[in-house]
Amino acid sequence: MAELSTLARPYAKAVFEVAVNTGDLDGWSNQLSLAAAVSQAEKVKNILNSPSLTSTEQATKFNDVCGEETSASTQNFIKVLAENKRIPLLPEIVKLFEQFKSNREKSVDVEVASVFELDDAIQEKLNTALSRKLEREVNLHTAIDKELIGGVIIRAADIVIDGSIRGRLAKLAENMNA
């Protein structure tokens, strides 16, 4: 959703700059992911939507739930989000943060769905070809999707390569109906 991205972007950029300046991209990534997961819990959503709590109380309760898993800097970031009523944006902030991190590290996460398990040789060839094509280090993740019939679907950021039989049949049906 474009609106959420627009609202989350300044926070993601700010926290990314802090992470770069402190040299702790992975630490911030882990802590933000934890905070995003906590923000999606039903009990936490109820706390965040409670009109009887001030933003300071919401931030305190949220940080209490996260416990010692988050640093003082992350807790301060949560306080800023609470003051601006932006804690529900944490999943989108994490998504943008991870994109900034991947761009900086010149890496990209690639999801490959196939109808069967890909052996190591095929994964290595795919990894090499995608690294060359995308000009980035590729972090390959495979998944099995029995509905594909055959072939693979590759997702890398905003690029989708549908080489599945199901996709080809859908394209054929679309062309026949046109």
N, C-alpha and C. Protein backbone atom coordinates (compact mmCIF):
# COMPACT_ATOMS: atom_id res chain seq x y z
N MET A 1 0.85 -1.16 0.00
CA MET A 1 0.00 0.00 0.00
C MET A 1 0.90 1.23 0.00
N ALA A 2 0.71 2.11 -0.96
CA ALA A 2 1.57 3.27 -1.14
C ALA A 2 1.51 4.21 0.06
N GLU A 3 0.34 4.40 0.64
CA GLU A 3 0.20 5.32 1.75
C GLU A 3 1.05 4.90 2.95
N LEU A 4 1.04 3.61 3.27
CA LEU A 4 1.84 3.13 4.38
C LEU A 4 3.33 3.34 4.11
N SER A 5 3.75 3.08 2.89
CA SER A 5 5.16 3.29 2.53
C SER A 5 5.54 4.75 2.68
N THR A 6 4.66 5.62 2.25
CA THR A 6 4.93 7.06 2.34
C THR A 6 5.08 7.49 3.80
N LEU A 7 4.22 6.98 4.67
CA LEU A 7 4.30 7.33 6.08
C LEU A 7 5.51 6.70 6.76
N ALA A 8 5.86 5.49 6.37
CA ALA A 8 6.94 4.75 7.03
C ALA A 8 8.33 5.16 6.54
N ARG A 9 8.44 5.66 5.32
CA ARG A 9 9.74 5.94 4.72
C ARG A 9 10.64 6.87 5.56
N PRO A 10 10.15 8.00 6.08
CA PRO A 10 11.06 8.86 6.86
C PRO A 10 11.61 8.16 8.10
N TYR A 11 10.78 7.34 8.75
CA TYR A 11 11.24 6.62 9.93
C TYR A 11 12.27 5.55 9.55
N ALA A 12 11.99 4.85 8.45
CA ALA A 12 12.92 3.82 7.98
C ALA A 12 14.26 4.43 7.59
N LYS A 13 14.22 5.57 6.90
CA LYS A 13 15.47 6.24 6.51
C LYS A 13 16.25 6.70 7.73
N ALA A 14 15.54 7.28 8.68
CA ALA A 14 16.21 7.78 9.88
C ALA A 14 16.88 6.65 10.66
N VAL A 15 16.15 5.56 10.88
CA VAL A 15 16.72 4.46 11.66
C VAL A 15 17.82 3.76 10.86
N PHE A 16 17.70 3.75 9.54
CA PHE A 16 18.76 3.17 8.71
C PHE A 16 20.04 3.99 8.83
N GLU A 17 19.91 5.31 8.81
CA GLU A 17 21.09 6.17 8.96
C GLU A 17 21.76 5.96 10.32
N VAL A 18 20.95 5.81 11.36
CA VAL A 18 21.51 5.54 12.69
C VAL A 18 22.25 4.20 12.67
N ALA A 19 21.64 3.20 12.06
CA ALA A 19 22.26 1.87 12.00
C ALA A 19 23.58 1.91 11.23
N VAL A 20 23.61 2.66 10.13
CA VAL A 20 24.84 2.78 9.35
C VAL A 20 25.91 3.51 10.17
N ASN A 21 25.53 4.60 10.81
CA ASN A 21 26.49 5.38 11.59
C ASN A 21 27.05 4.62 12.78
N THR A 22 26.25 3.74 13.37
CA THR A 22 26.73 2.95 14.50
C THR A 22 27.37 1.64 14.04
N GLY A 23 27.26 1.33 12.74
CA GLY A 23 27.86 0.11 12.21
C GLY A 23 27.14 -1.15 12.68
N ASP A 24 25.84 -1.05 12.94
CA ASP A 24 25.10 -2.18 13.48
C ASP A 24 23.84 -2.46 12.67
N LEU A 25 24.00 -2.66 11.37
CA LEU A 25 22.84 -2.93 10.51
C LEU A 25 22.11 -4.21 10.92
N ASP A 26 22.88 -5.26 11.20
CA ASP A 26 22.25 -6.54 11.55
C ASP A 26 21.53 -6.45 12.89
N GLY A 27 22.13 -5.78 13.86
CA GLY A 27 21.50 -5.63 15.18
C GLY A 27 20.19 -4.88 15.08
N TRP A 28 20.21 -3.76 14.35
CA TRP A 28 18.98 -2.99 14.16
C TRP A 28 17.95 -3.80 13.40
N SER A 29 18.39 -4.53 12.40
CA SER A 29 17.47 -5.35 11.62
C SER A 29 16.75 -6.36 12.51
N ASN A 30 17.52 -7.04 13.36
CA ASN A 30 16.93 -8.03 14.26
C ASN A 30 15.96 -7.40 15.25
N GLN A 31 16.36 -6.27 15.83
CA GLN A 31 15.52 -5.63 16.83
C GLN A 31 14.24 -5.04 16.22
N LEU A 32 14.37 -4.47 15.03
CA LEU A 32 13.19 -3.93 14.36
C LEU A 32 12.23 -5.05 13.96
N SER A 33 12.78 -6.17 13.52
CA SER A 33 11.93 -7.32 13.16
C SER A 33 11.17 -7.83 14.38
N LEU A 34 11.86 -7.89 15.52
CA LEU A 34 11.19 -8.30 16.75
C LEU A 34 10.08 -7.32 17.10
N ALA A 35 10.38 -6.02 17.04
CA ALA A 35 9.37 -5.00 17.37
C ALA A 35 8.18 -5.08 16.42
N ALA A 36 8.44 -5.33 15.14
CA ALA A 36 7.35 -5.46 14.17
C ALA A 36 6.47 -6.66 14.51
N ALA A 37 7.10 -7.77 14.88
CA ALA A 37 6.32 -8.96 15.25
C ALA A 37 5.48 -8.68 16.50
N VAL A 38 6.06 -8.00 17.47
CA VAL A 38 5.33 -7.66 18.70
C VAL A 38 4.14 -6.75 18.37
N SER A 39 4.35 -5.81 17.45
CA SER A 39 3.28 -4.87 17.10
C SER A 39 2.08 -5.55 16.45
N GLN A 40 2.27 -6.75 15.93
CA GLN A 40 1.19 -7.46 15.27
C GLN A 40 0.42 -8.39 16.19
N ALA A 41 0.90 -8.55 17.44
CA ALA A 41 0.19 -9.39 18.41
C ALA A 41 -1.12 -8.72 18.80
N GLU A 42 -2.15 -9.51 18.94
CA GLU A 42 -3.49 -8.98 19.20
C GLU A 42 -3.55 -8.17 20.50
N LYS A 43 -2.93 -8.67 21.57
CA LYS A 43 -2.95 -7.95 22.85
C LYS A 43 -2.24 -6.60 22.73
N VAL A 44 -1.16 -6.58 21.97
CA VAL A 44 -0.41 -5.32 21.79
C VAL A 44 -1.24 -4.35 20.96
N LYS A 45 -1.92 -4.85 19.94
CA LYS A 45 -2.79 -3.98 19.14
C LYS A 45 -3.86 -3.34 20.02
N ASN A 46 -4.40 -4.12 20.96
CA ASN A 46 -5.41 -3.58 21.87
C ASN A 46 -4.82 -2.47 22.74
N ILE A 47 -3.59 -2.66 23.21
CA ILE A 47 -2.91 -1.63 24.00
C ILE A 47 -2.72 -0.37 23.16
N LEU A 48 -2.27 -0.55 21.93
CA LEU A 48 -1.99 0.60 21.07
C LEU A 48 -3.26 1.35 20.68
N ASN A 49 -4.38 0.66 20.66
CA ASN A 49 -5.65 1.29 20.30
C ASN A 49 -6.42 1.83 21.50
N SER A 50 -5.87 1.64 22.69
CA SER A 50 -6.56 2.08 23.90
C SER A 50 -6.49 3.60 24.04
N PRO A 51 -7.64 4.26 24.05
CA PRO A 51 -7.64 5.72 24.17
C PRO A 51 -7.28 6.20 25.58
N SER A 52 -7.31 5.30 26.56
CA SER A 52 -7.03 5.70 27.94
C SER A 52 -5.52 5.81 28.23
N LEU A 53 -4.69 5.30 27.33
CA LEU A 53 -3.24 5.34 27.54
C LEU A 53 -2.60 6.48 26.76
N THR A 54 -1.67 7.15 27.39
CA THR A 54 -0.91 8.19 26.68
C THR A 54 0.12 7.51 25.80
N SER A 55 0.72 8.29 24.92
CA SER A 55 1.74 7.71 24.04
C SER A 55 2.94 7.22 24.84
N THR A 56 3.27 7.90 25.92
CA THR A 56 4.39 7.47 26.78
C THR A 56 4.06 6.14 27.43
N GLU A 57 2.82 5.98 27.89
CA GLU A 57 2.42 4.71 28.51
C GLU A 57 2.41 3.58 27.48
N GLN A 58 1.94 3.89 26.27
CA GLN A 58 1.95 2.89 25.21
C GLN A 58 3.37 2.44 24.91
N ALA A 59 4.28 3.39 24.77
CA ALA A 59 5.68 3.06 24.48
C ALA A 59 6.29 2.24 25.60
N THR A 60 5.99 2.60 26.84
CA THR A 60 6.53 1.87 27.99
C THR A 60 6.03 0.43 27.99
N LYS A 61 4.73 0.25 27.78
CA LYS A 61 4.17 -1.10 27.76
C LYS A 61 4.74 -1.90 26.58
N PHE A 62 4.86 -1.25 25.43
CA PHE A 62 5.42 -1.93 24.26
C PHE A 62 6.85 -2.37 24.54
N ASN A 63 7.66 -1.46 25.08
CA ASN A 63 9.06 -1.79 25.38
C ASN A 63 9.16 -2.85 26.47
N ASP A 64 8.21 -2.88 27.41
CA ASP A 64 8.19 -3.93 28.43
C ASP A 64 7.97 -5.30 27.79
N VAL A 65 7.09 -5.34 26.79
CA VAL A 65 6.83 -6.61 26.09
C VAL A 65 8.10 -7.08 25.38
N CYS A 66 8.81 -6.15 24.74
CA CYS A 66 10.05 -6.52 24.03
C CYS A 66 11.15 -6.91 25.01
N GLY A 67 11.09 -6.37 26.21
CA GLY A 67 12.05 -6.74 27.24
C GLY A 67 13.48 -6.33 26.90
N GLU A 68 14.40 -7.15 27.32
CA GLU A 68 15.81 -6.86 27.14
C GLU A 68 16.32 -7.22 25.75
N GLU A 69 15.42 -7.66 24.89
CA GLU A 69 15.80 -8.01 23.52
C GLU A 69 16.10 -6.77 22.68
N THR A 70 15.64 -5.61 23.15
CA THR A 70 15.86 -4.38 22.40
C THR A 70 16.78 -3.45 23.19
N SER A 71 17.61 -2.72 22.45
CA SER A 71 18.56 -1.79 23.06
C SER A 71 17.85 -0.51 23.47
N ALA A 72 18.57 0.33 24.20
CA ALA A 72 18.02 1.63 24.62
C ALA A 72 17.69 2.48 23.39
N SER A 73 18.51 2.39 22.35
CA SER A 73 18.26 3.16 21.13
C SER A 73 16.98 2.71 20.45
N THR A 74 16.75 1.42 20.40
CA THR A 74 15.53 0.89 19.80
C THR A 74 14.32 1.30 20.64
N GLN A 75 14.46 1.26 21.95
CA GLN A 75 13.36 1.68 22.82
C GLN A 75 13.05 3.16 22.63
N ASN A 76 14.08 3.98 22.43
CA ASN A 76 13.85 5.40 22.15
C ASN A 76 13.13 5.58 20.81
N PHE A 77 13.50 4.76 19.83
CA PHE A 77 12.83 4.81 18.53
C PHE A 77 11.34 4.47 18.68
N ILE A 78 11.05 3.47 19.51
CA ILE A 78 9.66 3.08 19.78
C ILE A 78 8.92 4.25 20.43
N LYS A 79 9.58 4.96 21.33
CA LYS A 79 8.95 6.13 21.99
C LYS A 79 8.60 7.20 20.95
N VAL A 80 9.51 7.44 20.02
CA VAL A 80 9.24 8.43 18.96
C VAL A 80 8.05 7.98 18.12
N LEU A 81 8.03 6.70 17.77
CA LEU A 81 6.89 6.18 16.99
C LEU A 81 5.59 6.33 17.76
N ALA A 82 5.62 6.05 19.06
CA ALA A 82 4.42 6.15 19.88
C ALA A 82 3.93 7.59 19.96
N GLU A 83 4.86 8.53 20.12
CA GLU A 83 4.48 9.95 20.19
C GLU A 83 3.77 10.40 18.92
N ASN A 84 4.16 9.82 17.81
CA ASN A 84 3.57 10.19 16.52
C ASN A 84 2.49 9.23 16.05
N LYS A 85 2.09 8.31 16.94
CA LYS A 85 1.05 7.31 16.62
C LYS A 85 1.42 6.48 15.40
N ARG A 86 2.69 6.05 15.35
CA ARG A 86 3.18 5.32 14.18
C ARG A 86 3.66 3.89 14.49
N ILE A 87 3.44 3.40 15.68
CA ILE A 87 3.88 2.03 16.00
C ILE A 87 3.27 1.00 15.04
N PRO A 88 2.00 1.15 14.62
CA PRO A 88 1.45 0.18 13.67
C PRO A 88 2.20 0.13 12.33
N LEU A 89 3.04 1.13 12.06
CA LEU A 89 3.81 1.13 10.81
C LEU A 89 5.08 0.27 10.88
N LEU A 90 5.37 -0.31 12.04
CA LEU A 90 6.62 -1.06 12.19
C LEU A 90 6.85 -2.12 11.12
N PRO A 91 5.86 -2.93 10.73
CA PRO A 91 6.14 -3.92 9.66
C PRO A 91 6.59 -3.24 8.36
N GLU A 92 5.97 -2.13 8.01
CA GLU A 92 6.36 -1.42 6.79
C GLU A 92 7.74 -0.77 6.95
N ILE A 93 8.03 -0.26 8.14
CA ILE A 93 9.35 0.32 8.42
C ILE A 93 10.43 -0.75 8.26
N VAL A 94 10.16 -1.94 8.79
CA VAL A 94 11.12 -3.04 8.67
C VAL A 94 11.33 -3.41 7.20
N LYS A 95 10.26 -3.48 6.45
CA LYS A 95 10.35 -3.82 5.03
C LYS A 95 11.25 -2.81 4.29
N LEU A 96 11.02 -1.53 4.53
CA LEU A 96 11.84 -0.50 3.88
C LEU A 96 13.28 -0.54 4.38
N PHE A 97 13.46 -0.74 5.68
CA PHE A 97 14.80 -0.84 6.26
C PHE A 97 15.58 -1.97 5.59
N GLU A 98 14.93 -3.11 5.41
CA GLU A 98 15.59 -4.26 4.78
C GLU A 98 15.94 -3.97 3.32
N GLN A 99 15.10 -3.21 2.64
CA GLN A 99 15.42 -2.82 1.26
C GLN A 99 16.65 -1.91 1.23
N PHE A 100 16.69 -0.94 2.14
CA PHE A 100 17.86 -0.05 2.22
C PHE A 100 19.11 -0.85 2.54
N LYS A 101 18.97 -1.79 3.46
CA LYS A 101 20.10 -2.63 3.88
C LYS A 101 20.60 -3.47 2.70
N SER A 102 19.68 -4.08 1.97
CA SER A 102 20.06 -4.89 0.81
C SER A 102 20.76 -4.05 -0.25
N ASN A 103 20.24 -2.85 -0.50
CA ASN A 103 20.88 -1.96 -1.48
C ASN A 103 22.29 -1.60 -1.04
N ARG A 104 22.47 -1.33 0.23
CA ARG A 104 23.80 -0.96 0.73
C ARG A 104 24.75 -2.14 0.64
N GLU A 105 24.27 -3.31 0.96
CA GLU A 105 25.11 -4.51 0.96
C GLU A 105 25.22 -5.14 -0.42
N LYS A 106 24.53 -4.54 -1.39
CA LYS A 106 24.53 -5.08 -2.76
C LYS A 106 24.09 -6.55 -2.75
N SER A 107 23.04 -6.82 -2.00
CA SER A 107 22.50 -8.18 -1.97
C SER A 107 20.99 -8.11 -2.17
N VAL A 108 20.44 -9.23 -2.55
CA VAL A 108 19.00 -9.30 -2.76
C VAL A 108 18.52 -10.69 -2.34
N ASP A 109 17.35 -10.74 -1.69
CA ASP A 109 16.75 -12.01 -1.35
C ASP A 109 15.91 -12.47 -2.53
N VAL A 110 16.13 -13.71 -2.94
CA VAL A 110 15.41 -14.27 -4.08
C VAL A 110 14.66 -15.51 -3.61
N GLU A 111 13.37 -15.53 -3.89
CA GLU A 111 12.51 -16.66 -3.54
C GLU A 111 12.25 -17.46 -4.82
N VAL A 112 12.56 -18.74 -4.78
CA VAL A 112 12.34 -19.63 -5.91
C VAL A 112 11.33 -20.69 -5.50
N ALA A 113 10.18 -20.70 -6.17
CA ALA A 113 9.16 -21.70 -5.89
C ALA A 113 9.15 -22.71 -7.04
N SER A 114 9.22 -23.97 -6.68
CA SER A 114 9.16 -25.03 -7.69
C SER A 114 8.29 -26.15 -7.17
N VAL A 115 7.92 -27.05 -8.06
CA VAL A 115 7.04 -28.15 -7.68
C VAL A 115 7.81 -29.24 -6.93
N PHE A 116 9.13 -29.25 -7.05
CA PHE A 116 9.95 -30.24 -6.36
C PHE A 116 11.19 -29.56 -5.77
N GLU A 117 11.86 -30.25 -4.87
CA GLU A 117 13.07 -29.74 -4.23
C GLU A 117 14.19 -29.61 -5.26
N LEU A 118 14.83 -28.45 -5.29
CA LEU A 118 15.94 -28.22 -6.22
C LEU A 118 17.22 -28.75 -5.59
N ASP A 119 18.00 -29.52 -6.37
CA ASP A 119 19.24 -30.03 -5.81
C ASP A 119 20.30 -28.93 -5.75
N ASP A 120 21.39 -29.20 -5.06
CA ASP A 120 22.43 -28.19 -4.82
C ASP A 120 23.05 -27.67 -6.10
N ALA A 121 23.25 -28.53 -7.09
CA ALA A 121 23.87 -28.10 -8.35
C ALA A 121 22.97 -27.09 -9.08
N ILE A 122 21.69 -27.35 -9.12
CA ILE A 122 20.75 -26.44 -9.78
C ILE A 122 20.68 -25.12 -9.02
N GLN A 123 20.64 -25.19 -7.68
CA GLN A 123 20.60 -23.98 -6.88
C GLN A 123 21.86 -23.13 -7.12
N GLU A 124 23.00 -23.78 -7.21
CA GLU A 124 24.26 -23.05 -7.44
C GLU A 124 24.26 -22.38 -8.81
N LYS A 125 23.80 -23.08 -9.85
CA LYS A 125 23.72 -22.49 -11.19
C LYS A 125 22.75 -21.32 -11.21
N LEU A 126 21.61 -21.50 -10.56
CA LEU A 126 20.61 -20.44 -10.48
C LEU A 126 21.15 -19.23 -9.72
N ASN A 127 21.83 -19.49 -8.63
CA ASN A 127 22.43 -18.42 -7.83
C ASN A 127 23.46 -17.64 -8.65
N THR A 128 24.30 -18.33 -9.39
CA THR A 128 25.33 -17.69 -10.21
C THR A 128 24.69 -16.86 -11.33
N ALA A 129 23.70 -17.43 -12.00
CA ALA A 129 23.04 -16.72 -13.11
C ALA A 129 22.31 -15.48 -12.60
N LEU A 130 21.61 -15.61 -11.47
CA LEU A 130 20.89 -14.46 -10.93
C LEU A 130 21.84 -13.39 -10.40
N SER A 131 22.93 -13.79 -9.80
CA SER A 131 23.93 -12.82 -9.32
C SER A 131 24.48 -12.00 -10.48
N ARG A 132 24.75 -12.67 -11.58
CA ARG A 132 25.28 -11.99 -12.76
C ARG A 132 24.21 -11.06 -13.35
N LYS A 133 22.98 -11.53 -13.45
CA LYS A 133 21.89 -10.77 -14.05
C LYS A 133 21.52 -9.55 -13.20
N LEU A 134 21.43 -9.74 -11.87
CA LEU A 134 20.99 -8.68 -10.97
C LEU A 134 22.15 -7.80 -10.47
N GLU A 135 23.37 -8.23 -10.76
CA GLU A 135 24.58 -7.53 -10.32
C GLU A 135 24.59 -7.33 -8.82
N ARG A 136 24.20 -8.35 -8.11
CA ARG A 136 24.15 -8.33 -6.65
C ARG A 136 24.44 -9.72 -6.11
N GLU A 137 24.81 -9.77 -4.83
CA GLU A 137 24.92 -11.05 -4.16
C GLU A 137 23.50 -11.56 -3.93
N VAL A 138 23.26 -12.81 -4.24
CA VAL A 138 21.91 -13.38 -4.15
C VAL A 138 21.81 -14.30 -2.93
N ASN A 139 20.79 -14.06 -2.11
CA ASN A 139 20.46 -14.95 -1.00
C ASN A 139 19.26 -15.77 -1.45
N LEU A 140 19.52 -16.99 -1.88
CA LEU A 140 18.50 -17.84 -2.49
C LEU A 140 17.70 -18.59 -1.43
N HIS A 141 16.38 -18.50 -1.53
CA HIS A 141 15.47 -19.22 -0.65
C HIS A 141 14.54 -20.04 -1.55
N THR A 142 14.44 -21.33 -1.28
CA THR A 142 13.59 -22.17 -2.11
C THR A 142 12.35 -22.60 -1.33
N ALA A 143 11.27 -22.80 -2.08
CA ALA A 143 10.02 -23.28 -1.49
C ALA A 143 9.37 -24.23 -2.48
N ILE A 144 8.58 -25.14 -1.96
CA ILE A 144 7.88 -26.10 -2.81
C ILE A 144 6.42 -25.66 -2.94
N ASP A 145 5.95 -25.59 -4.19
CA ASP A 145 4.57 -25.21 -4.48
C ASP A 145 3.99 -26.27 -5.42
N LYS A 146 3.22 -27.18 -4.87
CA LYS A 146 2.68 -28.32 -5.64
C LYS A 146 1.68 -27.88 -6.72
N GLU A 147 1.18 -26.64 -6.65
CA GLU A 147 0.20 -26.17 -7.62
C GLU A 147 0.84 -25.69 -8.93
N LEU A 148 2.15 -25.65 -9.00
CA LEU A 148 2.82 -25.14 -10.19
C LEU A 148 2.76 -26.10 -11.38
N ILE A 149 2.57 -27.36 -11.15
CA ILE A 149 2.57 -28.43 -12.16
C ILE A 149 4.00 -28.73 -12.59
N GLY A 150 4.76 -27.72 -12.93
CA GLY A 150 6.15 -27.86 -13.32
C GLY A 150 6.77 -26.49 -13.50
N GLY A 151 8.09 -26.42 -13.63
CA GLY A 151 8.77 -25.15 -13.80
C GLY A 151 9.00 -24.45 -12.47
N VAL A 152 9.36 -23.16 -12.54
CA VAL A 152 9.65 -22.38 -11.34
C VAL A 152 9.10 -20.96 -11.46
N ILE A 153 8.91 -20.33 -10.31
CA ILE A 153 8.61 -18.91 -10.24
C ILE A 153 9.71 -18.28 -9.39
N ILE A 154 10.35 -17.25 -9.93
CA ILE A 154 11.45 -16.57 -9.24
C ILE A 154 10.99 -15.16 -8.88
N ARG A 155 11.14 -14.81 -7.61
CA ARG A 155 10.79 -13.46 -7.14
C ARG A 155 12.02 -12.83 -6.52
N ALA A 156 12.45 -11.70 -7.07
CA ALA A 156 13.58 -10.95 -6.54
C ALA A 156 13.17 -9.49 -6.48
N ALA A 157 12.91 -8.99 -5.27
CA ALA A 157 12.45 -7.61 -5.06
C ALA A 157 11.19 -7.38 -5.89
N ASP A 158 11.24 -6.50 -6.88
CA ASP A 158 10.05 -6.22 -7.69
C ASP A 158 10.06 -6.96 -9.02
N ILE A 159 10.95 -7.92 -9.18
CA ILE A 159 11.06 -8.71 -10.41
C ILE A 159 10.43 -10.08 -10.17
N VAL A 160 9.54 -10.50 -11.07
CA VAL A 160 8.94 -11.82 -11.00
C VAL A 160 9.14 -12.50 -12.35
N ILE A 161 9.76 -13.67 -12.33
CA ILE A 161 9.95 -14.46 -13.54
C ILE A 161 9.11 -15.72 -13.37
N ASP A 162 8.06 -15.82 -14.17
CA ASP A 162 7.15 -16.96 -14.07
C ASP A 162 7.48 -17.94 -15.19
N GLY A 163 8.24 -18.97 -14.84
CA GLY A 163 8.58 -20.01 -15.79
C GLY A 163 7.82 -21.29 -15.48
N SER A 164 6.66 -21.15 -14.85
CA SER A 164 5.89 -22.34 -14.46
C SER A 164 4.94 -22.74 -15.57
N ILE A 165 4.60 -23.99 -15.57
CA ILE A 165 3.63 -24.49 -16.54
C ILE A 165 2.26 -23.87 -16.28
N ARG A 166 1.90 -23.72 -15.01
CA ARG A 166 0.64 -23.08 -14.66
C ARG A 166 0.57 -21.66 -15.23
N GLY A 167 1.68 -20.91 -15.12
CA GLY A 167 1.74 -19.56 -15.66
C GLY A 167 1.63 -19.54 -17.18
N ARG A 168 2.29 -20.50 -17.81
CA ARG A 168 2.23 -20.57 -19.28
C ARG A 168 0.82 -20.95 -19.76
N LEU A 169 0.16 -21.85 -19.04
CA LEU A 169 -1.22 -22.22 -19.40
C LEU A 169 -2.16 -21.03 -19.21
N ALA A 170 -1.96 -20.27 -18.15
CA ALA A 170 -2.80 -19.08 -17.92
C ALA A 170 -2.59 -18.06 -19.03
N LYS A 171 -1.35 -17.89 -19.47
CA LYS A 171 -1.04 -16.94 -20.55
C LYS A 171 -1.66 -17.42 -21.86
N LEU A 172 -1.60 -18.72 -22.12
CA LEU A 172 -2.18 -19.30 -23.33
C LEU A 172 -3.70 -19.08 -23.31
N ALA A 173 -4.35 -19.34 -22.18
CA ALA A 173 -5.80 -19.14 -22.06
C ALA A 173 -6.16 -17.68 -22.28
N GLU A 174 -5.35 -16.79 -21.74
CA GLU A 174 -5.60 -15.35 -21.91
C GLU A 174 -5.48 -14.96 -23.37
N ASN A 175 -4.49 -15.47 -24.07
CA ASN A 175 -4.31 -15.17 -25.50
C ASN A 175 -5.44 -15.74 -26.35
N MET A 176 -5.94 -16.90 -25.96
CA MET A 176 -7.02 -17.51 -26.71
C MET A 176 -8.33 -16.75 -26.53
N ASN A 177 -8.53 -16.16 -25.38
CA ASN A 177 -9.76 -15.41 -25.09
C ASN A 177 -9.71 -13.98 -25.60
N ALA A 178 -8.53 -13.53 -25.99
CA ALA A 178 -8.39 -12.13 -26.44
C ALA A 178 -8.88 -11.93 -27.86
